[in-house]
Amino acid sequence: MRTLLVALVMAGAALPALAADRCDVPKEKWRPVDELKAELTAKGWQIANVKTEDGCYEVYGKDDTGKRVEIFFDPATFEAVGSDD
């Protein structure tokens, strides 16, 4: 039982570290958020909000098909790196 408890505590402690690694880009290499918005808008997206989370830009809005999205983008390359869905 104690071994299981220790394993669970260790796994829980690792979760914040994993989330922080989603986008590991130094701030000086980040491109402006307005460039990301312009790029996505040109592709037909409707952007409601962009915030910073886990070292990424997190975009809230609708993609080019009209689907509601919450997607993380690398702030240097604007590559989609996942979502919380």
PDB file of N, CA and C in Angstrom:
ATOM      1  N   MET A   1       0.831  -1.185   0.000  1.00  0.00           N
ATOM      2  CA  MET A   1       0.000   0.000   0.000  1.00  0.00           C
ATOM      3  C   MET A   1       0.883   1.260   0.000  1.00  0.00           C
ATOM      4  N   ARG A   2       1.916   1.244   0.815  1.00  0.00           N
ATOM      5  CA  ARG A   2       2.800   2.402   0.893  1.00  0.00           C
ATOM      6  C   ARG A   2       3.500   2.650  -0.436  1.00  0.00           C
ATOM      7  N   THR A   3       3.892   1.580  -1.115  1.00  0.00           N
ATOM      8  CA  THR A   3       4.553   1.707  -2.408  1.00  0.00           C
ATOM      9  C   THR A   3       3.612   2.358  -3.426  1.00  0.00           C
ATOM     10  N   LEU A   4       2.350   1.963  -3.404  1.00  0.00           N
ATOM     11  CA  LEU A   4       1.365   2.544  -4.305  1.00  0.00           C
ATOM     12  C   LEU A   4       1.186   4.027  -4.021  1.00  0.00           C
ATOM     13  N   LEU A   5       1.116   4.385  -2.758  1.00  0.00           N
ATOM     14  CA  LEU A   5       0.957   5.781  -2.374  1.00  0.00           C
ATOM     15  C   LEU A   5       2.145   6.609  -2.840  1.00  0.00           C
ATOM     16  N   VAL A   6       3.338   6.108  -2.646  1.00  0.00           N
ATOM     17  CA  VAL A   6       4.548   6.814  -3.082  1.00  0.00           C
ATOM     18  C   VAL A   6       4.529   6.985  -4.605  1.00  0.00           C
ATOM     19  N   ALA A   7       4.134   5.942  -5.332  1.00  0.00           N
ATOM     20  CA  ALA A   7       4.080   6.011  -6.792  1.00  0.00           C
ATOM     21  C   ALA A   7       3.078   7.058  -7.258  1.00  0.00           C
ATOM     22  N   LEU A   8       1.920   7.122  -6.612  1.00  0.00           N
ATOM     23  CA  LEU A   8       0.907   8.104  -6.979  1.00  0.00           C
ATOM     24  C   LEU A   8       1.377   9.533  -6.711  1.00  0.00           C
ATOM     25  N   VAL A   9       2.036   9.737  -5.579  1.00  0.00           N
ATOM     26  CA  VAL A   9       2.549  11.063  -5.246  1.00  0.00           C
ATOM     27  C   VAL A   9       3.610  11.474  -6.257  1.00  0.00           C
ATOM     28  N   MET A  10       4.486  10.570  -6.612  1.00  0.00           N
ATOM     29  CA  MET A  10       5.550  10.878  -7.575  1.00  0.00           C
ATOM     30  C   MET A  10       4.954  11.174  -8.949  1.00  0.00           C
ATOM     31  N   ALA A  11       3.953  10.414  -9.364  1.00  0.00           N
ATOM     32  CA  ALA A  11       3.317  10.649 -10.658  1.00  0.00           C
ATOM     33  C   ALA A  11       2.623  12.006 -10.667  1.00  0.00           C
ATOM     34  N   GLY A  12       1.952  12.342  -9.592  1.00  0.00           N
ATOM     35  CA  GLY A  12       1.277  13.632  -9.491  1.00  0.00           C
ATOM     36  C   GLY A  12       2.256  14.787  -9.520  1.00  0.00           C
ATOM     37  N   ALA A  13       3.409  14.611  -8.913  1.00  0.00           N
ATOM     38  CA  ALA A  13       4.421  15.664  -8.905  1.00  0.00           C
ATOM     39  C   ALA A  13       5.006  15.878 -10.302  1.00  0.00           C
ATOM     40  N   ALA A  14       4.990  14.865 -11.127  1.00  0.00           N
ATOM     41  CA  ALA A  14       5.553  14.978 -12.472  1.00  0.00           C
ATOM     42  C   ALA A  14       4.615  15.691 -13.433  1.00  0.00           C
ATOM     43  N   LEU A  15       3.325  15.721 -13.169  1.00  0.00           N
ATOM     44  CA  LEU A  15       2.364  16.311 -14.095  1.00  0.00           C
ATOM     45  C   LEU A  15       2.634  17.779 -14.403  1.00  0.00           C
ATOM     46  N   PRO A  16       2.880  18.642 -13.427  1.00  0.00           N
ATOM     47  CA  PRO A  16       3.166  20.031 -13.786  1.00  0.00           C
ATOM     48  C   PRO A  16       4.402  20.170 -14.670  1.00  0.00           C
ATOM     49  N   ALA A  17       5.381  19.343 -14.458  1.00  0.00           N
ATOM     50  CA  ALA A  17       6.592  19.403 -15.274  1.00  0.00           C
ATOM     51  C   ALA A  17       6.284  19.015 -16.710  1.00  0.00           C
ATOM     52  N   LEU A  18       5.428  18.019 -16.907  1.00  0.00           N
ATOM     53  CA  LEU A  18       5.065  17.616 -18.250  1.00  0.00           C
ATOM     54  C   LEU A  18       4.311  18.727 -18.964  1.00  0.00           C
ATOM     55  N   ALA A  19       3.401  19.369 -18.278  1.00  0.00           N
ATOM     56  CA  ALA A  19       2.621  20.448 -18.887  1.00  0.00           C
ATOM     57  C   ALA A  19       3.528  21.606 -19.279  1.00  0.00           C
ATOM     58  N   ALA A  20       4.494  21.923 -18.468  1.00  0.00           N
ATOM     59  CA  ALA A  20       5.390  23.039 -18.742  1.00  0.00           C
ATOM     60  C   ALA A  20       6.255  22.771 -19.970  1.00  0.00           C
ATOM     61  N   ASP A  21       6.451  21.517 -20.322  1.00  0.00           N
ATOM     62  CA  ASP A  21       7.296  21.159 -21.447  1.00  0.00           C
ATOM     63  C   ASP A  21       6.565  21.205 -22.786  1.00  0.00           C
ATOM     64  N   ARG A  22       5.268  21.523 -22.783  1.00  0.00           N
ATOM     65  CA  ARG A  22       4.518  21.526 -24.038  1.00  0.00           C
ATOM     66  C   ARG A  22       5.202  22.446 -25.057  1.00  0.00           C
ATOM     67  N   CYS A  23       5.585  23.635 -24.645  1.00  0.00           N
ATOM     68  CA  CYS A  23       6.310  24.582 -25.502  1.00  0.00           C
ATOM     69  C   CYS A  23       7.478  25.120 -24.684  1.00  0.00           C
ATOM     70  N   ASP A  24       8.646  24.669 -24.985  1.00  0.00           N
ATOM     71  CA  ASP A  24       9.831  25.084 -24.242  1.00  0.00           C
ATOM     72  C   ASP A  24      10.659  26.020 -25.113  1.00  0.00           C
ATOM     73  N   VAL A  25      10.153  27.241 -25.291  1.00  0.00           N
ATOM     74  CA  VAL A  25      10.788  28.219 -26.172  1.00  0.00           C
ATOM     75  C   VAL A  25      11.147  29.455 -25.358  1.00  0.00           C
ATOM     76  N   PRO A  26      12.393  29.896 -25.399  1.00  0.00           N
ATOM     77  CA  PRO A  26      12.759  31.121 -24.679  1.00  0.00           C
ATOM     78  C   PRO A  26      11.945  32.309 -25.195  1.00  0.00           C
ATOM     79  N   LYS A  27      11.537  33.183 -24.289  1.00  0.00           N
ATOM     80  CA  LYS A  27      10.681  34.331 -24.632  1.00  0.00           C
ATOM     81  C   LYS A  27      11.261  35.179 -25.763  1.00  0.00           C
ATOM     82  N   GLU A  28      12.577  35.316 -25.823  1.00  0.00           N
ATOM     83  CA  GLU A  28      13.169  36.164 -26.857  1.00  0.00           C
ATOM     84  C   GLU A  28      12.992  35.584 -28.269  1.00  0.00           C
ATOM     85  N   LYS A  29      12.583  34.330 -28.378  1.00  0.00           N
ATOM     86  CA  LYS A  29      12.361  33.709 -29.690  1.00  0.00           C
ATOM     87  C   LYS A  29      10.888  33.698 -30.094  1.00  0.00           C
ATOM     88  N   TRP A  30      10.020  34.185 -29.203  1.00  0.00           N
ATOM     89  CA  TRP A  30       8.587  34.200 -29.503  1.00  0.00           C
ATOM     90  C   TRP A  30       8.290  35.219 -30.593  1.00  0.00           C
ATOM     91  N   ARG A  31       7.438  34.839 -31.526  1.00  0.00           N
ATOM     92  CA  ARG A  31       6.928  35.778 -32.524  1.00  0.00           C
ATOM     93  C   ARG A  31       5.705  36.473 -31.932  1.00  0.00           C
ATOM     94  N   PRO A  32       5.386  37.666 -32.409  1.00  0.00           N
ATOM     95  CA  PRO A  32       4.228  38.393 -31.868  1.00  0.00           C
ATOM     96  C   PRO A  32       2.915  37.644 -32.083  1.00  0.00           C
ATOM     97  N   VAL A  33       2.041  37.718 -31.099  1.00  0.00           N
ATOM     98  CA  VAL A  33       0.748  37.045 -31.169  1.00  0.00           C
ATOM     99  C   VAL A  33      -0.083  37.576 -32.339  1.00  0.00           C
ATOM    100  N   ASP A  34       0.100  38.830 -32.700  1.00  0.00           N
ATOM    101  CA  ASP A  34      -0.638  39.392 -33.836  1.00  0.00           C
ATOM    102  C   ASP A  34      -0.292  38.679 -35.141  1.00  0.00           C
ATOM    103  N   GLU A  35       0.948  38.188 -35.266  1.00  0.00           N
ATOM    104  CA  GLU A  35       1.332  37.415 -36.455  1.00  0.00           C
ATOM    105  C   GLU A  35       0.575  36.096 -36.498  1.00  0.00           C
ATOM    106  N   LEU A  36       0.421  35.440 -35.340  1.00  0.00           N
ATOM    107  CA  LEU A  36      -0.328  34.181 -35.281  1.00  0.00           C
ATOM    108  C   LEU A  36      -1.788  34.433 -35.643  1.00  0.00           C
ATOM    109  N   LYS A  37      -2.372  35.483 -35.082  1.00  0.00           N
ATOM    110  CA  LYS A  37      -3.764  35.806 -35.393  1.00  0.00           C
ATOM    111  C   LYS A  37      -3.945  36.063 -36.886  1.00  0.00           C
ATOM    112  N   ALA A  38      -3.032  36.826 -37.489  1.00  0.00           N
ATOM    113  CA  ALA A  38      -3.122  37.139 -38.916  1.00  0.00           C
ATOM    114  C   ALA A  38      -2.997  35.876 -39.766  1.00  0.00           C
ATOM    115  N   GLU A  39      -2.078  34.997 -39.375  1.00  0.00           N
ATOM    116  CA  GLU A  39      -1.864  33.755 -40.122  1.00  0.00           C
ATOM    117  C   GLU A  39      -3.112  32.873 -40.078  1.00  0.00           C
ATOM    118  N   LEU A  40      -3.689  32.737 -38.890  1.00  0.00           N
ATOM    119  CA  LEU A  40      -4.872  31.892 -38.745  1.00  0.00           C
ATOM    120  C   LEU A  40      -6.094  32.521 -39.417  1.00  0.00           C
ATOM    121  N   THR A  41      -6.243  33.821 -39.305  1.00  0.00           N
ATOM    122  CA  THR A  41      -7.362  34.515 -39.940  1.00  0.00           C
ATOM    123  C   THR A  41      -7.287  34.366 -41.462  1.00  0.00           C
ATOM    124  N   ALA A  42      -6.090  34.430 -42.010  1.00  0.00           N
ATOM    125  CA  ALA A  42      -5.900  34.252 -43.451  1.00  0.00           C
ATOM    126  C   ALA A  42      -6.304  32.847 -43.900  1.00  0.00           C
ATOM    127  N   LYS A  43      -6.252  31.886 -42.987  1.00  0.00           N
ATOM    128  CA  LYS A  43      -6.653  30.507 -43.291  1.00  0.00           C
ATOM    129  C   LYS A  43      -8.145  30.280 -43.057  1.00  0.00           C
ATOM    130  N   GLY A  44      -8.869  31.345 -42.660  1.00  0.00           N
ATOM    131  CA  GLY A  44     -10.306  31.222 -42.461  1.00  0.00           C
ATOM    132  C   GLY A  44     -10.750  31.008 -41.026  1.00  0.00           C
ATOM    133  N   TRP A  45      -9.827  31.113 -40.085  1.00  0.00           N
ATOM    134  CA  TRP A  45     -10.179  30.948 -38.678  1.00  0.00           C
ATOM    135  C   TRP A  45     -10.823  32.223 -38.148  1.00  0.00           C
ATOM    136  N   GLN A  46     -11.664  32.048 -37.124  1.00  0.00           N
ATOM    137  CA  GLN A  46     -12.222  33.174 -36.377  1.00  0.00           C
ATOM    138  C   GLN A  46     -11.636  33.092 -34.970  1.00  0.00           C
ATOM    139  N   ILE A  47     -10.841  34.072 -34.597  1.00  0.00           N
ATOM    140  CA  ILE A  47     -10.139  34.070 -33.315  1.00  0.00           C
ATOM    141  C   ILE A  47     -10.937  34.863 -32.293  1.00  0.00           C
ATOM    142  N   ALA A  48     -11.305  34.197 -31.193  1.00  0.00           N
ATOM    143  CA  ALA A  48     -12.024  34.868 -30.110  1.00  0.00           C
ATOM    144  C   ALA A  48     -11.054  35.403 -29.063  1.00  0.00           C
ATOM    145  N   ASN A  49     -10.009  34.615 -28.760  1.00  0.00           N
ATOM    146  CA  ASN A  49      -9.065  34.999 -27.718  1.00  0.00           C
ATOM    147  C   ASN A  49      -7.776  34.198 -27.880  1.00  0.00           C
ATOM    148  N   VAL A  50      -6.676  34.799 -27.481  1.00  0.00           N
ATOM    149  CA  VAL A  50      -5.394  34.090 -27.431  1.00  0.00           C
ATOM    150  C   VAL A  50      -4.778  34.414 -26.087  1.00  0.00           C
ATOM    151  N   LYS A  51      -4.372  33.368 -25.376  1.00  0.00           N
ATOM    152  CA  LYS A  51      -3.680  33.588 -24.111  1.00  0.00           C
ATOM    153  C   LYS A  51      -2.425  32.734 -24.089  1.00  0.00           C
ATOM    154  N   THR A  52      -1.605  32.964 -23.100  1.00  0.00           N
ATOM    155  CA  THR A  52      -0.365  32.203 -22.939  1.00  0.00           C
ATOM    156  C   THR A  52      -0.560  31.181 -21.826  1.00  0.00           C
ATOM    157  N   GLU A  53      -0.264  29.923 -22.137  1.00  0.00           N
ATOM    158  CA  GLU A  53      -0.357  28.857 -21.146  1.00  0.00           C
ATOM    159  C   GLU A  53       0.646  27.765 -21.497  1.00  0.00           C
ATOM    160  N   ASP A  54       1.295  27.215 -20.497  1.00  0.00           N
ATOM    161  CA  ASP A  54       2.288  26.147 -20.672  1.00  0.00           C
ATOM    162  C   ASP A  54       3.392  26.549 -21.638  1.00  0.00           C
ATOM    163  N   GLY A  55       3.705  27.847 -21.695  1.00  0.00           N
ATOM    164  CA  GLY A  55       4.750  28.327 -22.582  1.00  0.00           C
ATOM    165  C   GLY A  55       4.332  28.406 -24.033  1.00  0.00           C
ATOM    166  N   CYS A  56       3.031  28.261 -24.291  1.00  0.00           N
ATOM    167  CA  CYS A  56       2.494  28.292 -25.652  1.00  0.00           C
ATOM    168  C   CYS A  56       1.484  29.421 -25.792  1.00  0.00           C
ATOM    169  N   TYR A  57       1.117  29.688 -27.046  1.00  0.00           N
ATOM    170  CA  TYR A  57      -0.073  30.490 -27.301  1.00  0.00           C
ATOM    171  C   TYR A  57      -1.240  29.514 -27.332  1.00  0.00           C
ATOM    172  N   GLU A  58      -2.302  29.813 -26.598  1.00  0.00           N
ATOM    173  CA  GLU A  58      -3.506  28.988 -26.644  1.00  0.00           C
ATOM    174  C   GLU A  58      -4.587  29.801 -27.339  1.00  0.00           C
ATOM    175  N   VAL A  59      -5.056  29.283 -28.464  1.00  0.00           N
ATOM    176  CA  VAL A  59      -6.022  29.985 -29.294  1.00  0.00           C
ATOM    177  C   VAL A  59      -7.417  29.415 -29.050  1.00  0.00           C
ATOM    178  N   TYR A  60      -8.352  30.323 -28.807  1.00  0.00           N
ATOM    179  CA  TYR A  60      -9.767  29.989 -28.655  1.00  0.00           C
ATOM    180  C   TYR A  60     -10.503  30.596 -29.840  1.00  0.00           C
ATOM    181  N   GLY A  61     -11.333  29.817 -30.484  1.00  0.00           N
ATOM    182  CA  GLY A  61     -12.101  30.341 -31.606  1.00  0.00           C
ATOM    183  C   GLY A  61     -12.697  29.230 -32.420  1.00  0.00           C
ATOM    184  N   LYS A  62     -12.808  29.487 -33.742  1.00  0.00           N
ATOM    185  CA  LYS A  62     -13.337  28.500 -34.682  1.00  0.00           C
ATOM    186  C   LYS A  62     -12.343  28.325 -35.814  1.00  0.00           C
ATOM    187  N   ASP A  63     -12.121  27.065 -36.189  1.00  0.00           N
ATOM    188  CA  ASP A  63     -11.188  26.805 -37.281  1.00  0.00           C
ATOM    189  C   ASP A  63     -11.874  27.072 -38.629  1.00  0.00           C
ATOM    190  N   ASP A  64     -11.200  26.734 -39.710  1.00  0.00           N
ATOM    191  CA  ASP A  64     -11.722  27.034 -41.044  1.00  0.00           C
ATOM    192  C   ASP A  64     -12.968  26.244 -41.414  1.00  0.00           C
ATOM    193  N   THR A  65     -13.313  25.224 -40.627  1.00  0.00           N
ATOM    194  CA  THR A  65     -14.538  24.453 -40.868  1.00  0.00           C
ATOM    195  C   THR A  65     -15.684  24.931 -39.971  1.00  0.00           C
ATOM    196  N   GLY A  66     -15.397  25.900 -39.092  1.00  0.00           N
ATOM    197  CA  GLY A  66     -16.411  26.406 -38.173  1.00  0.00           C
ATOM    198  C   GLY A  66     -16.462  25.670 -36.843  1.00  0.00           C
ATOM    199  N   LYS A  67     -15.569  24.708 -36.658  1.00  0.00           N
ATOM    200  CA  LYS A  67     -15.521  23.936 -35.410  1.00  0.00           C
ATOM    201  C   LYS A  67     -14.877  24.772 -34.309  1.00  0.00           C
ATOM    202  N   ARG A  68     -15.496  24.767 -33.110  1.00  0.00           N
ATOM    203  CA  ARG A  68     -14.904  25.458 -31.962  1.00  0.00           C
ATOM    204  C   ARG A  68     -13.620  24.744 -31.561  1.00  0.00           C
ATOM    205  N   VAL A  69     -12.586  25.533 -31.307  1.00  0.00           N
ATOM    206  CA  VAL A  69     -11.280  24.953 -30.980  1.00  0.00           C
ATOM    207  C   VAL A  69     -10.620  25.693 -29.825  1.00  0.00           C
ATOM    208  N   GLU A  70      -9.793  24.964 -29.117  1.00  0.00           N
ATOM    209  CA  GLU A  70      -8.853  25.487 -28.127  1.00  0.00           C
ATOM    210  C   GLU A  70      -7.553  24.742 -28.413  1.00  0.00           C
ATOM    211  N   ILE A  71      -6.650  25.387 -29.114  1.00  0.00           N
ATOM    212  CA  ILE A  71      -5.443  24.709 -29.588  1.00  0.00           C
ATOM    213  C   ILE A  71      -4.206  25.474 -29.149  1.00  0.00           C
ATOM    214  N   PHE A  72      -3.183  24.724 -28.736  1.00  0.00           N
ATOM    215  CA  PHE A  72      -1.895  25.293 -28.354  1.00  0.00           C
ATOM    216  C   PHE A  72      -0.990  25.383 -29.573  1.00  0.00           C
ATOM    217  N   PHE A  73      -0.288  26.517 -29.686  1.00  0.00           N
ATOM    218  CA  PHE A  73       0.658  26.727 -30.779  1.00  0.00           C
ATOM    219  C   PHE A  73       2.021  27.082 -30.214  1.00  0.00           C
ATOM    220  N   ASP A  74       3.070  26.531 -30.839  1.00  0.00           N
ATOM    221  CA  ASP A  74       4.439  26.897 -30.497  1.00  0.00           C
ATOM    222  C   ASP A  74       4.603  28.382 -30.806  1.00  0.00           C
ATOM    223  N   PRO A  75       5.093  29.185 -29.866  1.00  0.00           N
ATOM    224  CA  PRO A  75       5.167  30.627 -30.077  1.00  0.00           C
ATOM    225  C   PRO A  75       6.272  31.074 -31.041  1.00  0.00           C
ATOM    226  N   ALA A  76       7.172  30.192 -31.406  1.00  0.00           N
ATOM    227  CA  ALA A  76       8.236  30.547 -32.341  1.00  0.00           C
ATOM    228  C   ALA A  76       7.911  30.106 -33.763  1.00  0.00           C
ATOM    229  N   THR A  77       7.293  28.936 -33.907  1.00  0.00           N
ATOM    230  CA  THR A  77       7.037  28.371 -35.236  1.00  0.00           C
ATOM    231  C   THR A  77       5.570  28.420 -35.638  1.00  0.00           C
ATOM    232  N   PHE A  78       4.692  28.659 -34.682  1.00  0.00           N
ATOM    233  CA  PHE A  78       3.241  28.633 -34.872  1.00  0.00           C
ATOM    234  C   PHE A  78       2.742  27.241 -35.272  1.00  0.00           C
ATOM    235  N   GLU A  79       3.518  26.223 -34.955  1.00  0.00           N
ATOM    236  CA  GLU A  79       3.090  24.850 -35.184  1.00  0.00           C
ATOM    237  C   GLU A  79       2.084  24.466 -34.106  1.00  0.00           C
ATOM    238  N   ALA A  80       0.970  23.829 -34.500  1.00  0.00           N
ATOM    239  CA  ALA A  80       0.000  23.344 -33.531  1.00  0.00           C
ATOM    240  C   ALA A  80       0.645  22.214 -32.726  1.00  0.00           C
ATOM    241  N   VAL A  81       0.553  22.310 -31.399  1.00  0.00           N
ATOM    242  CA  VAL A  81       1.202  21.309 -30.541  1.00  0.00           C
ATOM    243  C   VAL A  81       0.215  20.593 -29.648  1.00  0.00           C
ATOM    244  N   GLY A  82      -1.074  20.672 -29.956  1.00  0.00           N
ATOM    245  CA  GLY A  82      -2.056  19.911 -29.217  1.00  0.00           C
ATOM    246  C   GLY A  82      -3.137  20.774 -28.599  1.00  0.00           C
ATOM    247  N   SER A  83      -4.006  20.077 -27.871  1.00  0.00           N
ATOM    248  CA  SER A  83      -5.106  20.734 -27.174  1.00  0.00           C
ATOM    249  C   SER A  83      -5.399  19.977 -25.899  1.00  0.00           C
ATOM    250  N   ASP A  84      -6.308  20.524 -25.106  1.00  0.00           N
ATOM    251  CA  ASP A  84      -6.692  19.855 -23.864  1.00  0.00           C
ATOM    252  C   ASP A  84      -7.864  18.904 -24.061  1.00  0.00           C
ATOM    253  N   ASP A  85      -8.337  18.796 -25.297  1.00  0.00           N
ATOM    254  CA  ASP A  85      -9.468  17.901 -25.566  1.00  0.00           C
ATOM    255  C   ASP A  85      -9.054  16.459 -25.557  1.00  0.00           C
TER     256      ASP A  85
END
